[in-house]
Amino acid sequence: MAPSQTTTLRVPIELRDEISRLAKQRGTTMLTVVTDAVHRLGREEWWMSVRGALDELHDAEAASYRAESRRLESAAADGLDGR
């Protein structure tokens, strides 16, 4: 596999030191710390958009969503998990 292209990102020294501290604490690289942080932020923003969409549902739509969620939860608890 070909190596990924890289670039330089200028950050304040204090931030660089915090990233370094976290990397040492986790036993990983600074790149992994930054990558994990960016992915986590992306997930948080996605969930915020999901919550926002759910908040905008009309009463009938919200009731339908809750009913479908209950059906899915009961299907997941049916004991057919392959064990």
C-alpha atoms as a PDB file:
ATOM      1  CA  MET A   1       0.000   0.000   0.000  1.00  0.00           C
ATOM      2  CA  ALA A   2       1.352   3.428  -0.925  1.00  0.00           C
ATOM      3  CA  PRO A   3       1.999   5.819   1.964  1.00  0.00           C
ATOM      4  CA  SER A   4      -0.583   8.530   2.552  1.00  0.00           C
ATOM      5  CA  GLN A   5       0.231  12.038   1.511  1.00  0.00           C
ATOM      6  CA  THR A   6       0.913  14.376   4.408  1.00  0.00           C
ATOM      7  CA  THR A   7       0.889  18.067   5.120  1.00  0.00           C
ATOM      8  CA  THR A   8       1.976  20.368   7.913  1.00  0.00           C
ATOM      9  CA  LEU A   9      -0.584  21.772  10.307  1.00  0.00           C
ATOM     10  CA  ARG A  10       0.413  24.729  12.431  1.00  0.00           C
ATOM     11  CA  VAL A  11      -1.003  24.642  15.954  1.00  0.00           C
ATOM     12  CA  PRO A  12      -0.181  26.588  19.098  1.00  0.00           C
ATOM     13  CA  ILE A  13       2.630  25.052  21.143  1.00  0.00           C
ATOM     14  CA  GLU A  14       0.261  24.451  24.057  1.00  0.00           C
ATOM     15  CA  LEU A  15      -2.012  22.372  21.841  1.00  0.00           C
ATOM     16  CA  ARG A  16       0.903  20.416  20.420  1.00  0.00           C
ATOM     17  CA  ASP A  17       2.076  19.698  23.970  1.00  0.00           C
ATOM     18  CA  GLU A  18      -1.413  18.494  24.966  1.00  0.00           C
ATOM     19  CA  ILE A  19      -1.592  16.215  21.942  1.00  0.00           C
ATOM     20  CA  SER A  20       1.850  14.868  22.833  1.00  0.00           C
ATOM     21  CA  ARG A  21       0.817  14.300  26.458  1.00  0.00           C
ATOM     22  CA  LEU A  22      -2.296  12.399  25.369  1.00  0.00           C
ATOM     23  CA  ALA A  23      -0.274  10.305  22.927  1.00  0.00           C
ATOM     24  CA  LYS A  24       2.219   9.334  25.622  1.00  0.00           C
ATOM     25  CA  GLN A  25      -0.576   8.578  28.085  1.00  0.00           C
ATOM     26  CA  ARG A  26      -2.285   6.316  25.531  1.00  0.00           C
ATOM     27  CA  GLY A  27       0.915   4.775  24.242  1.00  0.00           C
ATOM     28  CA  THR A  28       0.236   5.934  20.709  1.00  0.00           C
ATOM     29  CA  THR A  29       1.267   8.606  18.235  1.00  0.00           C
ATOM     30  CA  MET A  30       0.247  12.228  18.019  1.00  0.00           C
ATOM     31  CA  LEU A  31      -1.268  11.442  14.612  1.00  0.00           C
ATOM     32  CA  THR A  32      -3.510   8.786  16.167  1.00  0.00           C
ATOM     33  CA  VAL A  33      -4.652  11.218  18.872  1.00  0.00           C
ATOM     34  CA  VAL A  34      -5.557  13.864  16.285  1.00  0.00           C
ATOM     35  CA  THR A  35      -7.232  11.310  14.005  1.00  0.00           C
ATOM     36  CA  ASP A  36      -9.296   9.920  16.886  1.00  0.00           C
ATOM     37  CA  ALA A  37     -10.310  13.431  17.968  1.00  0.00           C
ATOM     38  CA  VAL A  38     -11.445  14.396  14.458  1.00  0.00           C
ATOM     39  CA  HIS A  39     -13.427  11.155  14.064  1.00  0.00           C
ATOM     40  CA  ARG A  40     -15.043  11.629  17.475  1.00  0.00           C
ATOM     41  CA  LEU A  41     -16.033  15.190  16.571  1.00  0.00           C
ATOM     42  CA  GLY A  42     -17.555  13.936  13.324  1.00  0.00           C
ATOM     43  CA  ARG A  43     -19.628  11.346  15.208  1.00  0.00           C
ATOM     44  CA  GLU A  44     -20.768  13.945  17.749  1.00  0.00           C
ATOM     45  CA  GLU A  45     -21.888  16.296  14.974  1.00  0.00           C
ATOM     46  CA  TRP A  46     -23.712  13.445  13.227  1.00  0.00           C
ATOM     47  CA  TRP A  47     -25.583  12.539  16.421  1.00  0.00           C
ATOM     48  CA  MET A  48     -26.423  16.214  16.988  1.00  0.00           C
ATOM     49  CA  SER A  49     -27.989  16.293  13.515  1.00  0.00           C
ATOM     50  CA  VAL A  50     -29.954  13.097  14.280  1.00  0.00           C
ATOM     51  CA  ARG A  51     -31.233  14.591  17.550  1.00  0.00           C
ATOM     52  CA  GLY A  52     -32.156  17.796  15.721  1.00  0.00           C
ATOM     53  CA  ALA A  53     -34.101  15.842  13.103  1.00  0.00           C
ATOM     54  CA  LEU A  54     -35.911  13.870  15.811  1.00  0.00           C
ATOM     55  CA  ASP A  55     -36.787  17.090  17.640  1.00  0.00           C
ATOM     56  CA  GLU A  56     -38.427  18.406  14.451  1.00  0.00           C
ATOM     57  CA  LEU A  57     -40.752  15.412  14.012  1.00  0.00           C
ATOM     58  CA  HIS A  58     -44.471  16.066  14.224  1.00  0.00           C
ATOM     59  CA  ASP A  59     -46.367  14.148  16.917  1.00  0.00           C
ATOM     60  CA  ALA A  60     -47.568  11.418  14.545  1.00  0.00           C
ATOM     61  CA  GLU A  61     -44.088  10.982  13.073  1.00  0.00           C
ATOM     62  CA  ALA A  62     -42.532  10.806  16.546  1.00  0.00           C
ATOM     63  CA  ALA A  63     -45.077   8.178  17.625  1.00  0.00           C
ATOM     64  CA  SER A  64     -44.332   6.126  14.514  1.00  0.00           C
ATOM     65  CA  TYR A  65     -40.580   6.387  15.185  1.00  0.00           C
ATOM     66  CA  ARG A  66     -41.023   5.246  18.798  1.00  0.00           C
ATOM     67  CA  ALA A  67     -43.196   2.297  17.718  1.00  0.00           C
ATOM     68  CA  GLU A  68     -40.658   1.219  15.103  1.00  0.00           C
ATOM     69  CA  SER A  69     -37.856   1.530  17.672  1.00  0.00           C
ATOM     70  CA  ARG A  70     -39.782  -0.720  20.079  1.00  0.00           C
ATOM     71  CA  ARG A  71     -40.291  -3.304  17.316  1.00  0.00           C
ATOM     72  CA  LEU A  72     -36.577  -3.282  16.504  1.00  0.00           C
ATOM     73  CA  GLU A  73     -35.602  -3.560  20.169  1.00  0.00           C
ATOM     74  CA  SER A  74     -37.893  -6.550  20.694  1.00  0.00           C
ATOM     75  CA  ALA A  75     -36.547  -8.203  17.543  1.00  0.00           C
ATOM     76  CA  ALA A  76     -32.997  -7.716  18.824  1.00  0.00           C
ATOM     77  CA  ALA A  77     -33.995  -9.388  22.115  1.00  0.00           C
ATOM     78  CA  ASP A  78     -35.596 -12.441  20.494  1.00  0.00           C
ATOM     79  CA  GLY A  79     -32.713 -14.740  21.463  1.00  0.00           C
ATOM     80  CA  LEU A  80     -31.629 -15.384  17.895  1.00  0.00           C
ATOM     81  CA  ASP A  81     -28.183 -13.931  18.329  1.00  0.00           C
ATOM     82  CA  GLY A  82     -26.445 -16.961  16.883  1.00  0.00           C
ATOM     83  CA  ARG A  83     -25.186 -18.445  20.167  1.00  0.00           C
END
